[in-house]
Amino acid sequence: MSSLSIQCPCGRYIADASEFKLIFLKKELNEIDILCPNDNCYLRELGYIKFEMKEGKPTFKEATFYPPFVTWNVSQLGKEEANQRLKQMLKDIVTKHITWELLTKAEAK
């Protein structure tokens, strides 16, 4: 367990944003789902990333984790620490782990 890890209520510790599973199923909504890395997780979907297409290119709109995931981490780490870690995880997902060029290609199809 990393000193900056967060935890899903299912018990799975997440030390790095690369551990999340990202699924682009909601093409018409321009939304990427953030899934727990534990395939047996009862929550499964922990948050989402929304973007919009401008001139054929994806533009980041918002990213958020759902309340059960946030509340669990706040109860474990305290509000300030949890919010800081969760915000950093979202930032890392958006800036390091999404290949935005692939979304451009998906839109063209």
PDB file of N, CA and C in Angstrom:
ATOM      1  N   MET A   1       0.842  -1.187   0.000  1.00  0.00           N
ATOM      2  CA  MET A   1       0.000   0.000   0.000  1.00  0.00           C
ATOM      3  C   MET A   1       0.883   1.244   0.000  1.00  0.00           C
ATOM      4  N   SER A   2       0.663   2.124  -0.951  1.00  0.00           N
ATOM      5  CA  SER A   2       1.409   3.378  -1.065  1.00  0.00           C
ATOM      6  C   SER A   2       0.895   4.378  -0.039  1.00  0.00           C
ATOM      7  N   SER A   3       1.745   5.309   0.350  1.00  0.00           N
ATOM      8  CA  SER A   3       1.325   6.340   1.296  1.00  0.00           C
ATOM      9  C   SER A   3       0.303   7.289   0.673  1.00  0.00           C
ATOM     10  N   LEU A   4       0.179   7.264  -0.649  1.00  0.00           N
ATOM     11  CA  LEU A   4      -0.794   8.121  -1.318  1.00  0.00           C
ATOM     12  C   LEU A   4      -1.958   7.319  -1.887  1.00  0.00           C
ATOM     13  N   SER A   5      -2.112   6.089  -1.439  1.00  0.00           N
ATOM     14  CA  SER A   5      -3.164   5.258  -2.009  1.00  0.00           C
ATOM     15  C   SER A   5      -4.536   5.661  -1.480  1.00  0.00           C
ATOM     16  N   ILE A   6      -5.528   5.256  -2.243  1.00  0.00           N
ATOM     17  CA  ILE A   6      -6.918   5.402  -1.847  1.00  0.00           C
ATOM     18  C   ILE A   6      -7.505   4.001  -1.837  1.00  0.00           C
ATOM     19  N   GLN A   7      -8.733   3.861  -1.347  1.00  0.00           N
ATOM     20  CA  GLN A   7      -9.313   2.535  -1.237  1.00  0.00           C
ATOM     21  C   GLN A   7     -10.753   2.538  -1.706  1.00  0.00           C
ATOM     22  N   CYS A   8     -11.104   1.515  -2.454  1.00  0.00           N
ATOM     23  CA  CYS A   8     -12.494   1.304  -2.839  1.00  0.00           C
ATOM     24  C   CYS A   8     -13.198   0.642  -1.650  1.00  0.00           C
ATOM     25  N   PRO A   9     -14.484   0.892  -1.456  1.00  0.00           N
ATOM     26  CA  PRO A   9     -15.207   0.217  -0.377  1.00  0.00           C
ATOM     27  C   PRO A   9     -15.152  -1.313  -0.459  1.00  0.00           C
ATOM     28  N   CYS A  10     -14.845  -1.858  -1.630  1.00  0.00           N
ATOM     29  CA  CYS A  10     -14.729  -3.316  -1.770  1.00  0.00           C
ATOM     30  C   CYS A  10     -13.461  -3.843  -1.100  1.00  0.00           C
ATOM     31  N   GLY A  11     -12.559  -2.941  -0.704  1.00  0.00           N
ATOM     32  CA  GLY A  11     -11.329  -3.333  -0.029  1.00  0.00           C
ATOM     33  C   GLY A  11     -10.077  -3.169  -0.870  1.00  0.00           C
ATOM     34  N   ARG A  12     -10.222  -2.940  -2.157  1.00  0.00           N
ATOM     35  CA  ARG A  12      -9.076  -2.835  -3.073  1.00  0.00           C
ATOM     36  C   ARG A  12      -8.375  -1.498  -2.881  1.00  0.00           C
ATOM     37  N   TYR A  13      -7.085  -1.549  -2.559  1.00  0.00           N
ATOM     38  CA  TYR A  13      -6.274  -0.336  -2.488  1.00  0.00           C
ATOM     39  C   TYR A  13      -5.821   0.039  -3.892  1.00  0.00           C
ATOM     40  N   ILE A  14      -5.779   1.327  -4.168  1.00  0.00           N
ATOM     41  CA  ILE A  14      -5.375   1.844  -5.472  1.00  0.00           C
ATOM     42  C   ILE A  14      -4.257   2.855  -5.216  1.00  0.00           C
ATOM     43  N   ALA A  15      -3.051   2.474  -5.626  1.00  0.00           N
ATOM     44  CA  ALA A  15      -1.879   3.305  -5.350  1.00  0.00           C
ATOM     45  C   ALA A  15      -1.549   4.255  -6.489  1.00  0.00           C
ATOM     46  N   ASP A  16      -2.036   3.948  -7.690  1.00  0.00           N
ATOM     47  CA  ASP A  16      -1.687   4.747  -8.859  1.00  0.00           C
ATOM     48  C   ASP A  16      -2.884   4.808  -9.803  1.00  0.00           C
ATOM     49  N   ALA A  17      -3.040   5.934 -10.469  1.00  0.00           N
ATOM     50  CA  ALA A  17      -4.172   6.122 -11.383  1.00  0.00           C
ATOM     51  C   ALA A  17      -4.184   5.103 -12.516  1.00  0.00           C
ATOM     52  N   SER A  18      -3.038   4.553 -12.845  1.00  0.00           N
ATOM     53  CA  SER A  18      -2.973   3.563 -13.926  1.00  0.00           C
ATOM     54  C   SER A  18      -3.691   2.265 -13.574  1.00  0.00           C
ATOM     55  N   GLU A  19      -4.001   2.061 -12.307  1.00  0.00           N
ATOM     56  CA  GLU A  19      -4.676   0.837 -11.882  1.00  0.00           C
ATOM     57  C   GLU A  19      -6.167   0.831 -12.228  1.00  0.00           C
ATOM     58  N   PHE A  20      -6.769   2.001 -12.360  1.00  0.00           N
ATOM     59  CA  PHE A  20      -8.190   2.060 -12.708  1.00  0.00           C
ATOM     60  C   PHE A  20      -8.409   1.498 -14.106  1.00  0.00           C
ATOM     61  N   LYS A  21      -9.576   0.932 -14.330  1.00  0.00           N
ATOM     62  CA  LYS A  21      -9.959   0.504 -15.673  1.00  0.00           C
ATOM     63  C   LYS A  21     -10.804   1.623 -16.268  1.00  0.00           C
ATOM     64  N   LEU A  22     -10.505   2.000 -17.487  1.00  0.00           N
ATOM     65  CA  LEU A  22     -11.234   3.064 -18.175  1.00  0.00           C
ATOM     66  C   LEU A  22     -11.983   2.453 -19.347  1.00  0.00           C
ATOM     67  N   ILE A  23     -13.278   2.742 -19.429  1.00  0.00           N
ATOM     68  CA  ILE A  23     -14.118   2.164 -20.480  1.00  0.00           C
ATOM     69  C   ILE A  23     -14.857   3.284 -21.203  1.00  0.00           C
ATOM     70  N   PHE A  24     -14.758   3.280 -22.521  1.00  0.00           N
ATOM     71  CA  PHE A  24     -15.447   4.275 -23.353  1.00  0.00           C
ATOM     72  C   PHE A  24     -16.649   3.602 -24.012  1.00  0.00           C
ATOM     73  N   LEU A  25     -17.728   3.437 -23.238  1.00  0.00           N
ATOM     74  CA  LEU A  25     -18.942   2.801 -23.750  1.00  0.00           C
ATOM     75  C   LEU A  25     -20.001   3.819 -24.149  1.00  0.00           C
ATOM     76  N   LYS A  26     -19.968   4.967 -23.519  1.00  0.00           N
ATOM     77  CA  LYS A  26     -21.021   5.962 -23.709  1.00  0.00           C
ATOM     78  C   LYS A  26     -20.588   7.005 -24.731  1.00  0.00           C
ATOM     79  N   LYS A  27     -20.378   6.542 -25.957  1.00  0.00           N
ATOM     80  CA  LYS A  27     -19.873   7.410 -27.021  1.00  0.00           C
ATOM     81  C   LYS A  27     -20.790   8.606 -27.259  1.00  0.00           C
ATOM     82  N   GLU A  28     -22.105   8.352 -27.294  1.00  0.00           N
ATOM     83  CA  GLU A  28     -23.052   9.435 -27.574  1.00  0.00           C
ATOM     84  C   GLU A  28     -23.086  10.481 -26.465  1.00  0.00           C
ATOM     85  N   LEU A  29     -22.646  10.101 -25.249  1.00  0.00           N
ATOM     86  CA  LEU A  29     -22.607  11.040 -24.129  1.00  0.00           C
ATOM     87  C   LEU A  29     -21.220  11.659 -23.938  1.00  0.00           C
ATOM     88  N   ASN A  30     -20.247  11.225 -24.762  1.00  0.00           N
ATOM     89  CA  ASN A  30     -18.859  11.681 -24.603  1.00  0.00           C
ATOM     90  C   ASN A  30     -18.395  11.485 -23.164  1.00  0.00           C
ATOM     91  N   GLU A  31     -18.502  10.232 -22.707  1.00  0.00           N
ATOM     92  CA  GLU A  31     -18.189   9.913 -21.320  1.00  0.00           C
ATOM     93  C   GLU A  31     -17.330   8.658 -21.236  1.00  0.00           C
ATOM     94  N   ILE A  32     -16.333   8.714 -20.385  1.00  0.00           N
ATOM     95  CA  ILE A  32     -15.467   7.572 -20.098  1.00  0.00           C
ATOM     96  C   ILE A  32     -15.738   7.159 -18.655  1.00  0.00           C
ATOM     97  N   ASP A  33     -16.051   5.881 -18.451  1.00  0.00           N
ATOM     98  CA  ASP A  33     -16.309   5.378 -17.107  1.00  0.00           C
ATOM     99  C   ASP A  33     -15.002   4.987 -16.429  1.00  0.00           C
ATOM    100  N   ILE A  34     -14.912   5.294 -15.136  1.00  0.00           N
ATOM    101  CA  ILE A  34     -13.771   4.896 -14.318  1.00  0.00           C
ATOM    102  C   ILE A  34     -14.232   3.718 -13.471  1.00  0.00           C
ATOM    103  N   LEU A  35     -13.591   2.560 -13.666  1.00  0.00           N
ATOM    104  CA  LEU A  35     -13.988   1.344 -12.964  1.00  0.00           C
ATOM    105  C   LEU A  35     -12.943   0.924 -11.941  1.00  0.00           C
ATOM    106  N   CYS A  36     -13.420   0.267 -10.891  1.00  0.00           N
ATOM    107  CA  CYS A  36     -12.532  -0.306  -9.884  1.00  0.00           C
ATOM    108  C   CYS A  36     -11.682  -1.396 -10.533  1.00  0.00           C
ATOM    109  N   PRO A  37     -10.415  -1.502 -10.170  1.00  0.00           N
ATOM    110  CA  PRO A  37      -9.575  -2.559 -10.733  1.00  0.00           C
ATOM    111  C   PRO A  37      -9.966  -3.963 -10.260  1.00  0.00           C
ATOM    112  N   ASN A  38     -10.770  -4.055  -9.209  1.00  0.00           N
ATOM    113  CA  ASN A  38     -11.231  -5.346  -8.695  1.00  0.00           C
ATOM    114  C   ASN A  38     -12.439  -5.807  -9.512  1.00  0.00           C
ATOM    115  N   ASP A  39     -12.285  -6.873 -10.272  1.00  0.00           N
ATOM    116  CA  ASP A  39     -13.379  -7.377 -11.105  1.00  0.00           C
ATOM    117  C   ASP A  39     -14.588  -7.829 -10.295  1.00  0.00           C
ATOM    118  N   ASN A  40     -14.403  -8.112  -9.007  1.00  0.00           N
ATOM    119  CA  ASN A  40     -15.502  -8.557  -8.148  1.00  0.00           C
ATOM    120  C   ASN A  40     -16.095  -7.431  -7.306  1.00  0.00           C
ATOM    121  N   CYS A  41     -15.727  -6.206  -7.585  1.00  0.00           N
ATOM    122  CA  CYS A  41     -16.216  -5.053  -6.831  1.00  0.00           C
ATOM    123  C   CYS A  41     -17.724  -4.915  -6.984  1.00  0.00           C
ATOM    124  N   TYR A  42     -18.407  -4.686  -5.880  1.00  0.00           N
ATOM    125  CA  TYR A  42     -19.858  -4.521  -5.932  1.00  0.00           C
ATOM    126  C   TYR A  42     -20.262  -3.125  -6.399  1.00  0.00           C
ATOM    127  N   LEU A  43     -19.389  -2.145  -6.302  1.00  0.00           N
ATOM    128  CA  LEU A  43     -19.686  -0.815  -6.846  1.00  0.00           C
ATOM    129  C   LEU A  43     -19.373  -0.761  -8.338  1.00  0.00           C
ATOM    130  N   ARG A  44     -18.269  -1.345  -8.711  1.00  0.00           N
ATOM    131  CA  ARG A  44     -17.749  -1.416 -10.079  1.00  0.00           C
ATOM    132  C   ARG A  44     -17.406  -0.044 -10.656  1.00  0.00           C
ATOM    133  N   GLU A  45     -18.412   0.786 -10.926  1.00  0.00           N
ATOM    134  CA  GLU A  45     -18.166   2.100 -11.530  1.00  0.00           C
ATOM    135  C   GLU A  45     -17.944   3.126 -10.418  1.00  0.00           C
ATOM    136  N   LEU A  46     -16.763   3.745 -10.430  1.00  0.00           N
ATOM    137  CA  LEU A  46     -16.389   4.661  -9.356  1.00  0.00           C
ATOM    138  C   LEU A  46     -16.488   6.126  -9.744  1.00  0.00           C
ATOM    139  N   GLY A  47     -16.588   6.399 -11.036  1.00  0.00           N
ATOM    140  CA  GLY A  47     -16.661   7.780 -11.489  1.00  0.00           C
ATOM    141  C   GLY A  47     -16.692   7.859 -12.993  1.00  0.00           C
ATOM    142  N   TYR A  48     -16.520   9.073 -13.512  1.00  0.00           N
ATOM    143  CA  TYR A  48     -16.554   9.271 -14.961  1.00  0.00           C
ATOM    144  C   TYR A  48     -15.742  10.494 -15.352  1.00  0.00           C
ATOM    145  N   ILE A  49     -15.442  10.543 -16.636  1.00  0.00           N
ATOM    146  CA  ILE A  49     -14.767  11.688 -17.247  1.00  0.00           C
ATOM    147  C   ILE A  49     -15.626  12.111 -18.426  1.00  0.00           C
ATOM    148  N   LYS A  50     -15.983  13.373 -18.481  1.00  0.00           N
ATOM    149  CA  LYS A  50     -16.772  13.890 -19.601  1.00  0.00           C
ATOM    150  C   LYS A  50     -15.897  14.805 -20.446  1.00  0.00           C
ATOM    151  N   PHE A  51     -16.165  14.763 -21.728  1.00  0.00           N
ATOM    152  CA  PHE A  51     -15.455  15.629 -22.660  1.00  0.00           C
ATOM    153  C   PHE A  51     -16.429  16.031 -23.750  1.00  0.00           C
ATOM    154  N   GLU A  52     -16.050  17.008 -24.538  1.00  0.00           N
ATOM    155  CA  GLU A  52     -16.866  17.391 -25.689  1.00  0.00           C
ATOM    156  C   GLU A  52     -15.973  17.449 -26.912  1.00  0.00           C
ATOM    157  N   MET A  53     -16.592  17.268 -28.049  1.00  0.00           N
ATOM    158  CA  MET A  53     -15.845  17.315 -29.300  1.00  0.00           C
ATOM    159  C   MET A  53     -15.971  18.716 -29.884  1.00  0.00           C
ATOM    160  N   LYS A  54     -14.840  19.350 -30.107  1.00  0.00           N
ATOM    161  CA  LYS A  54     -14.801  20.676 -30.727  1.00  0.00           C
ATOM    162  C   LYS A  54     -13.897  20.589 -31.939  1.00  0.00           C
ATOM    163  N   GLU A  55     -14.482  20.843 -33.083  1.00  0.00           N
ATOM    164  CA  GLU A  55     -13.743  20.783 -34.347  1.00  0.00           C
ATOM    165  C   GLU A  55     -13.051  19.430 -34.520  1.00  0.00           C
ATOM    166  N   GLY A  56     -13.767  18.370 -34.127  1.00  0.00           N
ATOM    167  CA  GLY A  56     -13.256  17.015 -34.302  1.00  0.00           C
ATOM    168  C   GLY A  56     -12.231  16.560 -33.283  1.00  0.00           C
ATOM    169  N   LYS A  57     -11.993  17.383 -32.248  1.00  0.00           N
ATOM    170  CA  LYS A  57     -11.017  17.018 -31.225  1.00  0.00           C
ATOM    171  C   LYS A  57     -11.677  17.008 -29.851  1.00  0.00           C
ATOM    172  N   PRO A  58     -11.300  16.030 -29.020  1.00  0.00           N
ATOM    173  CA  PRO A  58     -11.885  15.971 -27.680  1.00  0.00           C
ATOM    174  C   PRO A  58     -11.314  17.062 -26.774  1.00  0.00           C
ATOM    175  N   THR A  59     -12.199  17.694 -26.027  1.00  0.00           N
ATOM    176  CA  THR A  59     -11.815  18.715 -25.062  1.00  0.00           C
ATOM    177  C   THR A  59     -12.358  18.297 -23.703  1.00  0.00           C
ATOM    178  N   PHE A  60     -11.479  18.201 -22.729  1.00  0.00           N
ATOM    179  CA  PHE A  60     -11.866  17.806 -21.379  1.00  0.00           C
ATOM    180  C   PHE A  60     -12.927  18.751 -20.833  1.00  0.00           C
ATOM    181  N   LYS A  61     -13.958  18.172 -20.214  1.00  0.00           N
ATOM    182  CA  LYS A  61     -15.041  18.957 -19.632  1.00  0.00           C
ATOM    183  C   LYS A  61     -15.051  18.832 -18.106  1.00  0.00           C
ATOM    184  N   GLU A  62     -15.133  17.591 -17.589  1.00  0.00           N
ATOM    185  CA  GLU A  62     -15.129  17.380 -16.143  1.00  0.00           C
ATOM    186  C   GLU A  62     -14.798  15.929 -15.818  1.00  0.00           C
ATOM    187  N   ALA A  63     -14.325  15.723 -14.607  1.00  0.00           N
ATOM    188  CA  ALA A  63     -14.062  14.377 -14.102  1.00  0.00           C
ATOM    189  C   ALA A  63     -14.488  14.343 -12.643  1.00  0.00           C
ATOM    190  N   THR A  64     -15.100  13.249 -12.249  1.00  0.00           N
ATOM    191  CA  THR A  64     -15.550  13.141 -10.869  1.00  0.00           C
ATOM    192  C   THR A  64     -15.638  11.687 -10.440  1.00  0.00           C
ATOM    193  N   PHE A  65     -15.489  11.485  -9.149  1.00  0.00           N
ATOM    194  CA  PHE A  65     -15.766  10.188  -8.559  1.00  0.00           C
ATOM    195  C   PHE A  65     -17.153  10.259  -7.935  1.00  0.00           C
ATOM    196  N   TYR A  66     -17.848   9.126  -7.902  1.00  0.00           N
ATOM    197  CA  TYR A  66     -19.191   9.071  -7.329  1.00  0.00           C
ATOM    198  C   TYR A  66     -19.142   9.144  -5.802  1.00  0.00           C
ATOM    199  N   PRO A  67     -20.226   9.658  -5.183  1.00  0.00           N
ATOM    200  CA  PRO A  67     -20.265   9.856  -3.726  1.00  0.00           C
ATOM    201  C   PRO A  67     -19.891   8.642  -2.859  1.00  0.00           C
ATOM    202  N   PRO A  68     -20.331   7.416  -3.161  1.00  0.00           N
ATOM    203  CA  PRO A  68     -19.939   6.311  -2.260  1.00  0.00           C
ATOM    204  C   PRO A  68     -18.420   6.119  -2.163  1.00  0.00           C
ATOM    205  N   PHE A  69     -17.734   6.294  -3.276  1.00  0.00           N
ATOM    206  CA  PHE A  69     -16.274   6.156  -3.314  1.00  0.00           C
ATOM    207  C   PHE A  69     -15.609   7.303  -2.551  1.00  0.00           C
ATOM    208  N   VAL A  70     -16.099   8.508  -2.762  1.00  0.00           N
ATOM    209  CA  VAL A  70     -15.548   9.684  -2.079  1.00  0.00           C
ATOM    210  C   VAL A  70     -15.801   9.590  -0.574  1.00  0.00           C
ATOM    211  N   THR A  71     -17.035   9.276  -0.199  1.00  0.00           N
ATOM    212  CA  THR A  71     -17.404   9.193   1.218  1.00  0.00           C
ATOM    213  C   THR A  71     -16.570   8.152   1.951  1.00  0.00           C
ATOM    214  N   TRP A  72     -16.359   7.009   1.305  1.00  0.00           N
ATOM    215  CA  TRP A  72     -15.543   5.961   1.920  1.00  0.00           C
ATOM    216  C   TRP A  72     -14.126   6.478   2.207  1.00  0.00           C
ATOM    217  N   ASN A  73     -13.520   7.135   1.246  1.00  0.00           N
ATOM    218  CA  ASN A  73     -12.159   7.634   1.427  1.00  0.00           C
ATOM    219  C   ASN A  73     -12.091   8.764   2.441  1.00  0.00           C
ATOM    220  N   VAL A  74     -13.120   9.601   2.483  1.00  0.00           N
ATOM    221  CA  VAL A  74     -13.172  10.664   3.493  1.00  0.00           C
ATOM    222  C   VAL A  74     -13.236  10.044   4.890  1.00  0.00           C
ATOM    223  N   SER A  75     -14.021   8.974   5.038  1.00  0.00           N
ATOM    224  CA  SER A  75     -14.139   8.325   6.350  1.00  0.00           C
ATOM    225  C   SER A  75     -12.837   7.637   6.764  1.00  0.00           C
ATOM    226  N   GLN A  76     -12.029   7.228   5.794  1.00  0.00           N
ATOM    227  CA  GLN A  76     -10.777   6.539   6.086  1.00  0.00           C
ATOM    228  C   GLN A  76      -9.599   7.496   6.282  1.00  0.00           C
ATOM    229  N   LEU A  77      -9.599   8.595   5.522  1.00  0.00           N
ATOM    230  CA  LEU A  77      -8.429   9.480   5.484  1.00  0.00           C
ATOM    231  C   LEU A  77      -8.662  10.874   6.053  1.00  0.00           C
ATOM    232  N   GLY A  78      -9.901  11.250   6.227  1.00  0.00           N
ATOM    233  CA  GLY A  78     -10.229  12.626   6.575  1.00  0.00           C
ATOM    234  C   GLY A  78     -10.525  13.403   5.306  1.00  0.00           C
ATOM    235  N   LYS A  79     -11.352  14.433   5.418  1.00  0.00           N
ATOM    236  CA  LYS A  79     -11.839  15.154   4.240  1.00  0.00           C
ATOM    237  C   LYS A  79     -10.717  15.771   3.405  1.00  0.00           C
ATOM    238  N   GLU A  80      -9.846  16.506   4.043  1.00  0.00           N
ATOM    239  CA  GLU A  80      -8.807  17.225   3.294  1.00  0.00           C
ATOM    240  C   GLU A  80      -7.860  16.265   2.568  1.00  0.00           C
ATOM    241  N   GLU A  81      -7.384  15.259   3.273  1.00  0.00           N
ATOM    242  CA  GLU A  81      -6.445  14.297   2.683  1.00  0.00           C
ATOM    243  C   GLU A  81      -7.112  13.501   1.560  1.00  0.00           C
ATOM    244  N   ALA A  82      -8.337  13.050   1.798  1.00  0.00           N
ATOM    245  CA  ALA A  82      -9.056  12.275   0.775  1.00  0.00           C
ATOM    246  C   ALA A  82      -9.299  13.115  -0.467  1.00  0.00           C
ATOM    247  N   ASN A  83      -9.773  14.330  -0.289  1.00  0.00           N
ATOM    248  CA  ASN A  83     -10.039  15.190  -1.446  1.00  0.00           C
ATOM    249  C   ASN A  83      -8.770  15.467  -2.245  1.00  0.00           C
ATOM    250  N   GLN A  84      -7.670  15.668  -1.561  1.00  0.00           N
ATOM    251  CA  GLN A  84      -6.393  15.915  -2.240  1.00  0.00           C
ATOM    252  C   GLN A  84      -5.970  14.688  -3.054  1.00  0.00           C
ATOM    253  N   ARG A  85      -6.044  13.514  -2.450  1.00  0.00           N
ATOM    254  CA  ARG A  85      -5.637  12.286  -3.149  1.00  0.00           C
ATOM    255  C   ARG A  85      -6.564  11.965  -4.319  1.00  0.00           C
ATOM    256  N   LEU A  86      -7.867  12.118  -4.105  1.00  0.00           N
ATOM    257  CA  LEU A  86      -8.824  11.820  -5.177  1.00  0.00           C
ATOM    258  C   LEU A  86      -8.655  12.792  -6.341  1.00  0.00           C
ATOM    259  N   LYS A  87      -8.454  14.058  -6.032  1.00  0.00           N
ATOM    260  CA  LYS A  87      -8.245  15.061  -7.075  1.00  0.00           C
ATOM    261  C   LYS A  87      -6.989  14.744  -7.885  1.00  0.00           C
ATOM    262  N   GLN A  88      -5.919  14.344  -7.198  1.00  0.00           N
ATOM    263  CA  GLN A  88      -4.680  13.993  -7.895  1.00  0.00           C
ATOM    264  C   GLN A  88      -4.878  12.764  -8.777  1.00  0.00           C
ATOM    265  N   MET A  89      -5.643  11.782  -8.291  1.00  0.00           N
ATOM    266  CA  MET A  89      -5.920  10.583  -9.099  1.00  0.00           C
ATOM    267  C   MET A  89      -6.662  10.971 -10.378  1.00  0.00           C
ATOM    268  N   LEU A  90      -7.675  11.820 -10.252  1.00  0.00           N
ATOM    269  CA  LEU A  90      -8.427  12.251 -11.437  1.00  0.00           C
ATOM    270  C   LEU A  90      -7.519  13.005 -12.405  1.00  0.00           C
ATOM    271  N   LYS A  91      -6.696  13.885 -11.865  1.00  0.00           N
ATOM    272  CA  LYS A  91      -5.772  14.647 -12.717  1.00  0.00           C
ATOM    273  C   LYS A  91      -4.835  13.706 -13.464  1.00  0.00           C
ATOM    274  N   ASP A  92      -4.305  12.713 -12.765  1.00  0.00           N
ATOM    275  CA  ASP A  92      -3.394  11.755 -13.398  1.00  0.00           C
ATOM    276  C   ASP A  92      -4.104  10.929 -14.467  1.00  0.00           C
ATOM    277  N   ILE A  93      -5.329  10.519 -14.200  1.00  0.00           N
ATOM    278  CA  ILE A  93      -6.083   9.756 -15.203  1.00  0.00           C
ATOM    279  C   ILE A  93      -6.235  10.585 -16.469  1.00  0.00           C
ATOM    280  N   VAL A  94      -6.673  11.824 -16.306  1.00  0.00           N
ATOM    281  CA  VAL A  94      -6.956  12.695 -17.454  1.00  0.00           C
ATOM    282  C   VAL A  94      -5.685  13.071 -18.217  1.00  0.00           C
ATOM    283  N   THR A  95      -4.610  13.334 -17.505  1.00  0.00           N
ATOM    284  CA  THR A  95      -3.399  13.827 -18.177  1.00  0.00           C
ATOM    285  C   THR A  95      -2.409  12.740 -18.590  1.00  0.00           C
ATOM    286  N   LYS A  96      -2.448  11.583 -17.927  1.00  0.00           N
ATOM    287  CA  LYS A  96      -1.435  10.560 -18.194  1.00  0.00           C
ATOM    288  C   LYS A  96      -1.974   9.246 -18.748  1.00  0.00           C
ATOM    289  N   HIS A  97      -3.248   8.971 -18.553  1.00  0.00           N
ATOM    290  CA  HIS A  97      -3.735   7.625 -18.857  1.00  0.00           C
ATOM    291  C   HIS A  97      -4.852   7.557 -19.890  1.00  0.00           C
ATOM    292  N   ILE A  98      -5.216   8.668 -20.458  1.00  0.00           N
ATOM    293  CA  ILE A  98      -6.193   8.665 -21.554  1.00  0.00           C
ATOM    294  C   ILE A  98      -5.462   9.065 -22.822  1.00  0.00           C
ATOM    295  N   THR A  99      -5.627   8.268 -23.843  1.00  0.00           N
ATOM    296  CA  THR A  99      -5.047   8.594 -25.143  1.00  0.00           C
ATOM    297  C   THR A  99      -6.110   9.369 -25.917  1.00  0.00           C
ATOM    298  N   TRP A 100      -6.060  10.673 -25.802  1.00  0.00           N
ATOM    299  CA  TRP A 100      -7.098  11.530 -26.373  1.00  0.00           C
ATOM    300  C   TRP A 100      -7.191  11.391 -27.891  1.00  0.00           C
ATOM    301  N   GLU A 101      -6.084  11.072 -28.546  1.00  0.00           N
ATOM    302  CA  GLU A 101      -6.103  10.912 -30.006  1.00  0.00           C
ATOM    303  C   GLU A 101      -7.010   9.755 -30.425  1.00  0.00           C
ATOM    304  N   LEU A 102      -7.093   8.722 -29.595  1.00  0.00           N
ATOM    305  CA  LEU A 102      -7.964   7.584 -29.920  1.00  0.00           C
ATOM    306  C   LEU A 102      -9.438   7.983 -29.895  1.00  0.00           C
ATOM    307  N   LEU A 103      -9.780   8.944 -29.050  1.00  0.00           N
ATOM    308  CA  LEU A 103     -11.164   9.419 -29.010  1.00  0.00           C
ATOM    309  C   LEU A 103     -11.510  10.162 -30.290  1.00  0.00           C
ATOM    310  N   THR A 104     -10.538  10.850 -30.856  1.00  0.00           N
ATOM    311  CA  THR A 104     -10.743  11.526 -32.135  1.00  0.00           C
ATOM    312  C   THR A 104     -11.045  10.499 -33.217  1.00  0.00           C
ATOM    313  N   LYS A 105     -10.306   9.397 -33.219  1.00  0.00           N
ATOM    314  CA  LYS A 105     -10.530   8.336 -34.201  1.00  0.00           C
ATOM    315  C   LYS A 105     -11.876   7.657 -33.985  1.00  0.00           C
ATOM    316  N   ALA A 106     -12.272   7.460 -32.735  1.00  0.00           N
ATOM    317  CA  ALA A 106     -13.559   6.829 -32.431  1.00  0.00           C
ATOM    318  C   ALA A 106     -14.710   7.709 -32.897  1.00  0.00           C
ATOM    319  N   GLU A 107     -14.554   9.001 -32.768  1.00  0.00           N
ATOM    320  CA  GLU A 107     -15.589   9.947 -33.195  1.00  0.00           C
ATOM    321  C   GLU A 107     -15.752   9.922 -34.708  1.00  0.00           C
ATOM    322  N   ALA A 108     -14.680   9.707 -35.425  1.00  0.00           N
ATOM    323  CA  ALA A 108     -14.714   9.715 -36.889  1.00  0.00           C
ATOM    324  C   ALA A 108     -15.446   8.502 -37.461  1.00  0.00           C
ATOM    325  N   LYS A 109     -15.557   7.443 -36.672  1.00  0.00           N
ATOM    326  CA  LYS A 109     -16.194   6.207 -37.160  1.00  0.00           C
ATOM    327  C   LYS A 109     -17.696   6.295 -37.143  1.00  0.00           C
TER     328      LYS A 109
END
